[in-house]
Amino acid sequence: MFWLHFIAKTLCVIKIIWPMENSEKLIDQFLLPFDDRLTSLVQELRQFFKSKTKPKYELVGNSTISLNIGYGFTEKAWDCYCAIIVYSKHINLSFPSGAFISDPNNLLVGNGKRIRHIKIADYDDMTNPDILNLILEAKSAALAKFDDKNCEFKDVKTLVKPIKGIKKRL
């Protein structure tokens, strides 16, 4: 429960929405503490989610221990179907409702009430059909809340919430 509350708190959306170009500048600043390998992987994963899963929102929160980038169809972090969680030495692909999706190959890690994750080593992991199926199932579950279950969004709105405080990267 702690991690779900943590992700929801760090991905909260504030009333001020920066224009896209300013959002990208903020995200670039958030990525400065990370090494080039992680920064490149984050940018590749962001493009993957925007192009392959067609979310309506990209929610970005820079917490004290991680950079969190969630994808969903509302401005609520709890509604994200998947999130990129960037730590100082690794990246997790988080499924906020991962406990409720089928995982026949036991790729998802975690035993809490809702959240599961997969550690992503490099972009090639995203070509694993089992991971793609998990993402698509999580997306379908998120879309099930809407009347038009086949809706796809052409433009992704990036919403950024910087969090003040000393960064304690794990």
N, C-alpha and C. Protein backbone atom coordinates (compact mmCIF):
# COMPACT_ATOMS: atom_id res chain seq x y z
N MET A 1 0.83 -1.19 0.00
CA MET A 1 0.00 0.00 0.00
C MET A 1 0.88 1.25 0.00
N PHE A 2 2.02 1.16 0.68
CA PHE A 2 2.91 2.31 0.73
C PHE A 2 3.30 2.78 -0.66
N TRP A 3 3.68 1.83 -1.54
CA TRP A 3 4.16 2.23 -2.87
C TRP A 3 3.06 2.83 -3.71
N LEU A 4 1.83 2.31 -3.59
CA LEU A 4 0.73 2.89 -4.36
C LEU A 4 0.47 4.31 -3.90
N HIS A 5 0.46 4.51 -2.59
CA HIS A 5 0.28 5.86 -2.05
C HIS A 5 1.44 6.75 -2.50
N PHE A 6 2.66 6.21 -2.46
CA PHE A 6 3.84 6.97 -2.86
C PHE A 6 3.76 7.39 -4.33
N ILE A 7 3.41 6.45 -5.20
CA ILE A 7 3.32 6.76 -6.63
C ILE A 7 2.20 7.77 -6.87
N ALA A 8 1.05 7.55 -6.22
CA ALA A 8 -0.06 8.49 -6.41
C ALA A 8 0.32 9.88 -5.92
N LYS A 9 1.01 9.94 -4.81
CA LYS A 9 1.40 11.24 -4.26
C LYS A 9 2.41 11.93 -5.17
N THR A 10 3.36 11.20 -5.70
CA THR A 10 4.41 11.83 -6.52
C THR A 10 3.97 12.11 -7.94
N LEU A 11 2.92 11.44 -8.40
CA LEU A 11 2.44 11.70 -9.75
C LEU A 11 1.22 12.62 -9.77
N CYS A 12 0.88 13.19 -8.60
CA CYS A 12 -0.27 14.09 -8.54
C CYS A 12 -0.11 15.22 -9.55
N VAL A 13 -1.21 15.67 -10.03
CA VAL A 13 -1.19 16.74 -11.02
C VAL A 13 -1.59 18.04 -10.34
N ILE A 14 -0.83 19.09 -10.58
CA ILE A 14 -1.18 20.37 -10.02
C ILE A 14 -1.98 21.16 -11.04
N LYS A 15 -2.59 22.23 -10.58
CA LYS A 15 -3.49 23.00 -11.44
C LYS A 15 -2.77 23.69 -12.58
N ILE A 16 -1.51 24.03 -12.40
CA ILE A 16 -0.76 24.69 -13.46
C ILE A 16 -0.19 23.63 -14.37
N ILE A 17 -0.48 23.75 -15.65
CA ILE A 17 0.05 22.80 -16.63
C ILE A 17 1.00 23.57 -17.52
N TRP A 18 2.27 23.16 -17.52
CA TRP A 18 3.24 23.83 -18.35
C TRP A 18 3.03 23.49 -19.81
N PRO A 19 3.30 24.44 -20.71
CA PRO A 19 3.27 24.10 -22.14
C PRO A 19 4.25 22.97 -22.41
N MET A 20 3.99 22.21 -23.46
CA MET A 20 4.78 21.02 -23.77
C MET A 20 6.27 21.30 -23.79
N GLU A 21 6.69 22.39 -24.43
CA GLU A 21 8.13 22.65 -24.52
C GLU A 21 8.74 22.88 -23.13
N ASN A 22 8.00 23.52 -22.24
CA ASN A 22 8.50 23.70 -20.88
C ASN A 22 8.51 22.39 -20.11
N SER A 23 7.54 21.53 -20.37
CA SER A 23 7.51 20.21 -19.73
C SER A 23 8.75 19.41 -20.12
N GLU A 24 9.10 19.46 -21.37
CA GLU A 24 10.28 18.72 -21.83
C GLU A 24 11.55 19.27 -21.19
N LYS A 25 11.63 20.57 -21.02
CA LYS A 25 12.80 21.17 -20.36
C LYS A 25 12.87 20.72 -18.90
N LEU A 26 11.74 20.69 -18.23
CA LEU A 26 11.71 20.22 -16.84
C LEU A 26 12.13 18.76 -16.73
N ILE A 27 11.61 17.93 -17.63
CA ILE A 27 11.97 16.51 -17.62
C ILE A 27 13.46 16.35 -17.87
N ASP A 28 14.02 17.12 -18.80
CA ASP A 28 15.47 17.08 -19.04
C ASP A 28 16.23 17.45 -17.77
N GLN A 29 15.75 18.43 -17.03
CA GLN A 29 16.39 18.81 -15.77
C GLN A 29 16.27 17.69 -14.74
N PHE A 30 15.11 17.05 -14.69
CA PHE A 30 14.92 15.94 -13.75
C PHE A 30 15.87 14.79 -14.06
N LEU A 31 16.22 14.63 -15.33
CA LEU A 31 17.09 13.52 -15.75
C LEU A 31 18.58 13.81 -15.56
N LEU A 32 18.96 15.04 -15.27
CA LEU A 32 20.37 15.40 -15.14
C LEU A 32 21.15 14.55 -14.12
N PRO A 33 20.58 14.20 -12.97
CA PRO A 33 21.35 13.41 -12.00
C PRO A 33 21.64 11.97 -12.44
N PHE A 34 20.94 11.50 -13.46
CA PHE A 34 21.07 10.10 -13.88
C PHE A 34 22.15 9.97 -14.95
N ASP A 35 22.76 8.78 -15.01
CA ASP A 35 23.80 8.57 -16.02
C ASP A 35 23.19 8.51 -17.43
N ASP A 36 24.05 8.61 -18.43
CA ASP A 36 23.59 8.69 -19.83
C ASP A 36 22.80 7.45 -20.24
N ARG A 37 23.19 6.28 -19.75
CA ARG A 37 22.49 5.04 -20.11
C ARG A 37 21.04 5.09 -19.64
N LEU A 38 20.83 5.48 -18.38
CA LEU A 38 19.47 5.55 -17.85
C LEU A 38 18.66 6.65 -18.54
N THR A 39 19.30 7.79 -18.78
CA THR A 39 18.61 8.91 -19.43
C THR A 39 18.14 8.51 -20.83
N SER A 40 19.00 7.86 -21.59
CA SER A 40 18.62 7.40 -22.93
C SER A 40 17.49 6.38 -22.87
N LEU A 41 17.59 5.46 -21.93
CA LEU A 41 16.56 4.43 -21.79
C LEU A 41 15.22 5.06 -21.42
N VAL A 42 15.23 6.03 -20.52
CA VAL A 42 13.99 6.71 -20.14
C VAL A 42 13.35 7.36 -21.36
N GLN A 43 14.15 8.06 -22.15
CA GLN A 43 13.60 8.74 -23.33
C GLN A 43 13.05 7.73 -24.35
N GLU A 44 13.74 6.61 -24.50
CA GLU A 44 13.24 5.56 -25.41
C GLU A 44 11.92 4.97 -24.89
N LEU A 45 11.85 4.75 -23.58
CA LEU A 45 10.63 4.20 -22.99
C LEU A 45 9.47 5.19 -23.12
N ARG A 46 9.74 6.46 -22.93
CA ARG A 46 8.71 7.49 -23.09
C ARG A 46 8.15 7.46 -24.51
N GLN A 47 9.03 7.39 -25.50
CA GLN A 47 8.58 7.33 -26.89
C GLN A 47 7.79 6.05 -27.16
N PHE A 48 8.24 4.95 -26.58
CA PHE A 48 7.53 3.68 -26.73
C PHE A 48 6.09 3.83 -26.24
N PHE A 49 5.92 4.33 -25.02
CA PHE A 49 4.57 4.45 -24.47
C PHE A 49 3.69 5.40 -25.28
N LYS A 50 4.26 6.52 -25.68
CA LYS A 50 3.48 7.49 -26.45
C LYS A 50 3.06 6.93 -27.81
N SER A 51 3.94 6.21 -28.47
CA SER A 51 3.62 5.72 -29.81
C SER A 51 2.87 4.39 -29.82
N LYS A 52 3.20 3.50 -28.92
CA LYS A 52 2.61 2.15 -28.95
C LYS A 52 1.32 2.02 -28.15
N THR A 53 1.20 2.78 -27.04
CA THR A 53 0.02 2.58 -26.19
C THR A 53 -0.96 3.74 -26.26
N LYS A 54 -0.57 4.85 -26.86
CA LYS A 54 -1.46 5.99 -27.11
C LYS A 54 -2.22 6.45 -25.87
N PRO A 55 -1.52 6.84 -24.80
CA PRO A 55 -2.23 7.36 -23.62
C PRO A 55 -2.72 8.78 -23.88
N LYS A 56 -3.60 9.24 -23.02
CA LYS A 56 -4.03 10.64 -23.11
C LYS A 56 -3.09 11.52 -22.30
N TYR A 57 -2.60 10.98 -21.18
CA TYR A 57 -1.73 11.77 -20.29
C TYR A 57 -0.44 11.05 -19.97
N GLU A 58 0.61 11.84 -19.87
CA GLU A 58 1.89 11.42 -19.32
C GLU A 58 2.06 12.27 -18.07
N LEU A 59 2.06 11.62 -16.90
CA LEU A 59 2.16 12.31 -15.62
C LEU A 59 3.57 12.14 -15.07
N VAL A 60 4.24 13.26 -14.83
CA VAL A 60 5.64 13.22 -14.41
C VAL A 60 5.76 13.81 -13.01
N GLY A 61 6.37 13.06 -12.11
CA GLY A 61 6.62 13.52 -10.75
C GLY A 61 8.05 13.22 -10.37
N ASN A 62 8.76 14.23 -9.91
CA ASN A 62 10.15 14.06 -9.49
C ASN A 62 10.16 14.00 -7.97
N SER A 63 10.17 12.80 -7.43
CA SER A 63 10.10 12.64 -5.97
C SER A 63 11.50 12.68 -5.37
N THR A 64 11.55 12.49 -4.07
CA THR A 64 12.84 12.54 -3.40
C THR A 64 13.69 11.30 -3.67
N ILE A 65 13.07 10.17 -4.04
CA ILE A 65 13.88 8.97 -4.28
C ILE A 65 13.84 8.46 -5.71
N SER A 66 12.94 8.99 -6.54
CA SER A 66 12.84 8.50 -7.91
C SER A 66 12.19 9.55 -8.81
N LEU A 67 12.31 9.30 -10.11
CA LEU A 67 11.57 10.06 -11.11
C LEU A 67 10.47 9.13 -11.61
N ASN A 68 9.22 9.58 -11.53
CA ASN A 68 8.07 8.74 -11.87
C ASN A 68 7.35 9.32 -13.07
N ILE A 69 7.14 8.48 -14.09
CA ILE A 69 6.46 8.91 -15.31
C ILE A 69 5.34 7.90 -15.59
N GLY A 70 4.11 8.33 -15.36
CA GLY A 70 2.97 7.44 -15.50
C GLY A 70 2.16 7.73 -16.76
N TYR A 71 1.46 6.71 -17.25
CA TYR A 71 0.66 6.82 -18.47
C TYR A 71 -0.76 6.37 -18.20
N GLY A 72 -1.71 7.21 -18.63
CA GLY A 72 -3.11 6.88 -18.40
C GLY A 72 -4.04 7.74 -19.21
N PHE A 73 -5.31 7.68 -18.84
CA PHE A 73 -6.36 8.36 -19.59
C PHE A 73 -7.05 9.45 -18.78
N THR A 74 -6.60 9.66 -17.55
CA THR A 74 -7.09 10.75 -16.72
C THR A 74 -5.89 11.46 -16.11
N GLU A 75 -6.15 12.56 -15.43
CA GLU A 75 -5.07 13.29 -14.77
C GLU A 75 -4.76 12.72 -13.39
N LYS A 76 -5.37 11.61 -13.04
CA LYS A 76 -5.18 11.01 -11.72
C LYS A 76 -4.11 9.92 -11.78
N ALA A 77 -3.14 10.00 -10.88
CA ALA A 77 -2.07 9.01 -10.84
C ALA A 77 -2.61 7.60 -10.57
N TRP A 78 -3.66 7.50 -9.79
CA TRP A 78 -4.24 6.20 -9.46
C TRP A 78 -4.78 5.51 -10.70
N ASP A 79 -5.09 6.29 -11.74
CA ASP A 79 -5.66 5.73 -12.96
C ASP A 79 -4.61 5.32 -14.00
N CYS A 80 -3.33 5.54 -13.71
CA CYS A 80 -2.28 5.16 -14.66
C CYS A 80 -2.29 3.64 -14.85
N TYR A 81 -2.11 3.21 -16.08
CA TYR A 81 -2.03 1.77 -16.32
C TYR A 81 -0.59 1.28 -16.25
N CYS A 82 0.36 2.18 -16.41
CA CYS A 82 1.77 1.80 -16.34
C CYS A 82 2.60 3.03 -16.01
N ALA A 83 3.75 2.82 -15.39
CA ALA A 83 4.62 3.93 -15.05
C ALA A 83 6.08 3.51 -15.14
N ILE A 84 6.90 4.45 -15.58
CA ILE A 84 8.35 4.27 -15.60
C ILE A 84 8.86 4.87 -14.30
N ILE A 85 9.50 4.06 -13.46
CA ILE A 85 10.03 4.55 -12.19
C ILE A 85 11.55 4.48 -12.29
N VAL A 86 12.19 5.65 -12.26
CA VAL A 86 13.64 5.75 -12.47
C VAL A 86 14.33 5.95 -11.13
N TYR A 87 15.17 4.99 -10.77
CA TYR A 87 16.01 5.09 -9.58
C TYR A 87 17.43 5.41 -10.02
N SER A 88 18.33 5.60 -9.10
CA SER A 88 19.69 6.02 -9.46
C SER A 88 20.44 4.99 -10.29
N LYS A 89 20.14 3.70 -10.13
CA LYS A 89 20.89 2.67 -10.84
C LYS A 89 20.03 1.74 -11.70
N HIS A 90 18.72 1.89 -11.64
CA HIS A 90 17.85 1.01 -12.43
C HIS A 90 16.50 1.65 -12.70
N ILE A 91 15.74 0.99 -13.57
CA ILE A 91 14.40 1.45 -13.93
C ILE A 91 13.43 0.29 -13.72
N ASN A 92 12.30 0.61 -13.09
CA ASN A 92 11.22 -0.35 -12.96
C ASN A 92 10.06 0.08 -13.85
N LEU A 93 9.42 -0.87 -14.46
CA LEU A 93 8.17 -0.63 -15.16
C LEU A 93 7.09 -1.04 -14.18
N SER A 94 6.36 -0.06 -13.67
CA SER A 94 5.39 -0.30 -12.62
C SER A 94 3.98 -0.43 -13.19
N PHE A 95 3.23 -1.36 -12.63
CA PHE A 95 1.84 -1.56 -13.00
C PHE A 95 1.01 -1.27 -11.75
N PRO A 96 0.44 -0.06 -11.64
CA PRO A 96 -0.30 0.31 -10.43
C PRO A 96 -1.46 -0.64 -10.09
N SER A 97 -2.01 -1.32 -11.08
CA SER A 97 -3.06 -2.32 -10.82
C SER A 97 -2.58 -3.70 -11.27
N GLY A 98 -1.30 -3.94 -11.13
CA GLY A 98 -0.70 -5.19 -11.60
C GLY A 98 -1.21 -6.45 -10.94
N ALA A 99 -1.75 -6.33 -9.74
CA ALA A 99 -2.28 -7.51 -9.05
C ALA A 99 -3.53 -8.04 -9.73
N PHE A 100 -4.14 -7.22 -10.60
CA PHE A 100 -5.41 -7.59 -11.21
C PHE A 100 -5.28 -8.00 -12.68
N ILE A 101 -4.05 -8.07 -13.18
CA ILE A 101 -3.87 -8.51 -14.57
C ILE A 101 -3.22 -9.90 -14.57
N SER A 102 -3.50 -10.66 -15.62
CA SER A 102 -2.95 -12.02 -15.67
C SER A 102 -1.47 -11.96 -16.03
N ASP A 103 -0.70 -12.80 -15.38
CA ASP A 103 0.75 -12.85 -15.59
C ASP A 103 1.17 -14.32 -15.66
N PRO A 104 0.87 -14.99 -16.78
CA PRO A 104 1.12 -16.44 -16.87
C PRO A 104 2.60 -16.81 -16.76
N ASN A 105 3.51 -15.89 -17.11
CA ASN A 105 4.94 -16.20 -17.04
C ASN A 105 5.61 -15.66 -15.79
N ASN A 106 4.82 -15.17 -14.86
CA ASN A 106 5.33 -14.67 -13.58
C ASN A 106 6.45 -13.64 -13.74
N LEU A 107 6.23 -12.68 -14.61
CA LEU A 107 7.21 -11.61 -14.81
C LEU A 107 7.08 -10.51 -13.76
N LEU A 108 5.87 -10.31 -13.27
CA LEU A 108 5.62 -9.23 -12.33
C LEU A 108 6.13 -9.58 -10.94
N VAL A 109 6.77 -8.59 -10.32
CA VAL A 109 7.33 -8.76 -8.98
C VAL A 109 6.51 -7.93 -8.00
N GLY A 110 6.28 -8.47 -6.82
CA GLY A 110 5.55 -7.76 -5.78
C GLY A 110 4.45 -8.62 -5.22
N ASN A 111 4.09 -8.33 -3.99
CA ASN A 111 3.02 -9.10 -3.36
C ASN A 111 2.05 -8.23 -2.59
N GLY A 112 2.03 -6.95 -2.90
CA GLY A 112 1.09 -6.03 -2.26
C GLY A 112 -0.31 -6.21 -2.82
N LYS A 113 -1.22 -5.34 -2.37
CA LYS A 113 -2.62 -5.45 -2.79
C LYS A 113 -2.84 -5.02 -4.23
N ARG A 114 -1.99 -4.13 -4.79
CA ARG A 114 -2.24 -3.61 -6.14
C ARG A 114 -1.02 -3.60 -7.05
N ILE A 115 0.06 -3.00 -6.60
CA ILE A 115 1.18 -2.69 -7.49
C ILE A 115 2.09 -3.89 -7.72
N ARG A 116 2.52 -4.01 -8.99
CA ARG A 116 3.55 -4.97 -9.39
C ARG A 116 4.53 -4.23 -10.29
N HIS A 117 5.71 -4.79 -10.47
CA HIS A 117 6.69 -4.14 -11.34
C HIS A 117 7.59 -5.17 -12.02
N ILE A 118 8.28 -4.67 -13.04
CA ILE A 118 9.30 -5.45 -13.76
C ILE A 118 10.52 -4.55 -13.87
N LYS A 119 11.69 -5.09 -13.57
CA LYS A 119 12.92 -4.32 -13.76
C LYS A 119 13.28 -4.34 -15.24
N ILE A 120 13.56 -3.16 -15.78
CA ILE A 120 13.91 -3.01 -17.20
C ILE A 120 15.41 -2.75 -17.30
N ALA A 121 16.12 -3.64 -17.96
CA ALA A 121 17.58 -3.50 -18.08
C ALA A 121 17.97 -2.66 -19.30
N ASP A 122 17.27 -2.88 -20.41
CA ASP A 122 17.54 -2.10 -21.62
C ASP A 122 16.30 -2.10 -22.50
N TYR A 123 16.36 -1.35 -23.57
CA TYR A 123 15.19 -1.18 -24.43
C TYR A 123 14.75 -2.50 -25.07
N ASP A 124 15.65 -3.41 -25.27
CA ASP A 124 15.30 -4.71 -25.86
C ASP A 124 14.26 -5.46 -25.03
N ASP A 125 14.21 -5.16 -23.72
CA ASP A 125 13.19 -5.80 -22.87
C ASP A 125 11.78 -5.49 -23.37
N MET A 126 11.63 -4.33 -24.00
CA MET A 126 10.30 -3.92 -24.48
C MET A 126 9.86 -4.72 -25.70
N THR A 127 10.78 -5.44 -26.32
CA THR A 127 10.40 -6.28 -27.45
C THR A 127 9.91 -7.66 -27.00
N ASN A 128 10.01 -7.93 -25.71
CA ASN A 128 9.51 -9.18 -25.16
C ASN A 128 7.98 -9.17 -25.28
N PRO A 129 7.40 -10.10 -26.04
CA PRO A 129 5.94 -10.09 -26.23
C PRO A 129 5.17 -10.25 -24.92
N ASP A 130 5.76 -10.92 -23.94
CA ASP A 130 5.07 -11.09 -22.66
C ASP A 130 4.93 -9.75 -21.93
N ILE A 131 5.97 -8.93 -22.00
CA ILE A 131 5.90 -7.60 -21.37
C ILE A 131 4.89 -6.73 -22.12
N LEU A 132 4.94 -6.77 -23.43
CA LEU A 132 3.98 -5.99 -24.23
C LEU A 132 2.55 -6.43 -23.92
N ASN A 133 2.31 -7.72 -23.76
CA ASN A 133 0.97 -8.20 -23.43
C ASN A 133 0.51 -7.69 -22.07
N LEU A 134 1.43 -7.63 -21.10
CA LEU A 134 1.09 -7.09 -19.78
C LEU A 134 0.68 -5.62 -19.89
N ILE A 135 1.44 -4.87 -20.66
CA ILE A 135 1.15 -3.44 -20.85
C ILE A 135 -0.21 -3.27 -21.51
N LEU A 136 -0.47 -4.04 -22.57
CA LEU A 136 -1.73 -3.92 -23.29
C LEU A 136 -2.92 -4.36 -22.44
N GLU A 137 -2.73 -5.38 -21.61
CA GLU A 137 -3.81 -5.80 -20.72
C GLU A 137 -4.09 -4.74 -19.66
N ALA A 138 -3.02 -4.14 -19.13
CA ALA A 138 -3.19 -3.06 -18.16
C ALA A 138 -3.90 -1.87 -18.80
N LYS A 139 -3.54 -1.56 -20.04
CA LYS A 139 -4.20 -0.47 -20.77
C LYS A 139 -5.67 -0.79 -20.98
N SER A 140 -5.99 -2.00 -21.39
CA SER A 140 -7.39 -2.40 -21.60
C SER A 140 -8.21 -2.28 -20.32
N ALA A 141 -7.61 -2.67 -19.21
CA ALA A 141 -8.30 -2.56 -17.93
C ALA A 141 -8.57 -1.09 -17.59
N ALA A 142 -7.61 -0.22 -17.89
CA ALA A 142 -7.80 1.21 -17.64
C ALA A 142 -8.87 1.79 -18.56
N LEU A 143 -8.89 1.35 -19.81
CA LEU A 143 -9.89 1.83 -20.77
C LEU A 143 -11.29 1.33 -20.46
N ALA A 144 -11.39 0.22 -19.74
CA ALA A 144 -12.69 -0.37 -19.44
C ALA A 144 -13.58 0.59 -18.65
N LYS A 145 -12.99 1.60 -18.06
CA LYS A 145 -13.75 2.58 -17.28
C LYS A 145 -14.48 3.58 -18.17
N PHE A 146 -14.18 3.57 -19.46
CA PHE A 146 -14.74 4.55 -20.37
C PHE A 146 -15.80 3.93 -21.28
N ASP A 147 -16.71 4.75 -21.78
CA ASP A 147 -17.74 4.27 -22.71
C ASP A 147 -17.13 3.80 -24.02
N ASP A 148 -16.21 4.60 -24.57
CA ASP A 148 -15.56 4.26 -25.84
C ASP A 148 -14.27 3.50 -25.52
N LYS A 149 -14.32 2.19 -25.52
CA LYS A 149 -13.18 1.38 -25.11
C LYS A 149 -12.11 1.26 -26.18
N ASN A 150 -12.37 1.74 -27.38
CA ASN A 150 -11.38 1.68 -28.45
C ASN A 150 -10.75 3.04 -28.74
N CYS A 151 -10.97 3.99 -27.83
CA CYS A 151 -10.46 5.33 -28.10
C CYS A 151 -8.93 5.35 -28.05
N GLU A 152 -8.36 6.07 -28.95
CA GLU A 152 -6.92 6.31 -28.96
C GLU A 152 -6.71 7.80 -29.08
N PHE A 153 -5.70 8.30 -28.45
CA PHE A 153 -5.46 9.72 -28.41
C PHE A 153 -4.25 10.04 -29.26
N LYS A 154 -4.38 11.04 -30.11
CA LYS A 154 -3.29 11.41 -31.00
C LYS A 154 -2.23 12.23 -30.28
N ASP A 155 -2.67 13.11 -29.40
CA ASP A 155 -1.74 13.98 -28.68
C ASP A 155 -1.69 13.59 -27.21
N VAL A 156 -0.50 13.37 -26.72
CA VAL A 156 -0.30 13.06 -25.31
C VAL A 156 -0.03 14.36 -24.58
N LYS A 157 -0.79 14.59 -23.52
CA LYS A 157 -0.56 15.78 -22.70
C LYS A 157 0.39 15.39 -21.58
N THR A 158 1.51 16.11 -21.50
CA THR A 158 2.49 15.85 -20.44
C THR A 158 2.25 16.84 -19.31
N LEU A 159 1.98 16.31 -18.12
CA LEU A 159 1.74 17.12 -16.93
C LEU A 159 2.87 16.86 -15.95
N VAL A 160 3.50 17.93 -15.46
CA VAL A 160 4.69 17.80 -14.62
C VAL A 160 4.45 18.40 -13.25
N LYS A 161 4.86 17.66 -12.23
CA LYS A 161 4.82 18.18 -10.87
C LYS A 161 6.18 17.97 -10.24
N PRO A 162 6.99 19.04 -10.17
CA PRO A 162 8.25 18.91 -9.45
C PRO A 162 7.98 18.90 -7.95
N ILE A 163 8.68 18.04 -7.24
CA ILE A 163 8.50 17.96 -5.79
C ILE A 163 9.76 18.49 -5.14
N LYS A 164 9.58 19.43 -4.22
CA LYS A 164 10.73 20.02 -3.55
C LYS A 164 11.23 19.08 -2.47
N GLY A 165 12.47 19.23 -2.12
CA GLY A 165 13.05 18.42 -1.08
C GLY A 165 14.37 17.83 -1.53
N ILE A 166 15.12 17.35 -0.58
CA ILE A 166 16.40 16.75 -0.86
C ILE A 166 16.18 15.42 -1.57
N LYS A 167 16.85 15.22 -2.69
CA LYS A 167 16.71 13.99 -3.45
C LYS A 167 17.58 12.90 -2.83
N LYS A 168 16.95 11.81 -2.49
CA LYS A 168 17.64 10.66 -1.90
C LYS A 168 17.48 9.50 -2.85
N ARG A 169 18.21 9.51 -3.94
CA ARG A 169 18.04 8.50 -4.97
C ARG A 169 18.49 7.13 -4.48
N LEU A 170 17.66 6.13 -4.77
CA LEU A 170 17.98 4.74 -4.38
C LEU A 170 18.66 4.03 -5.53
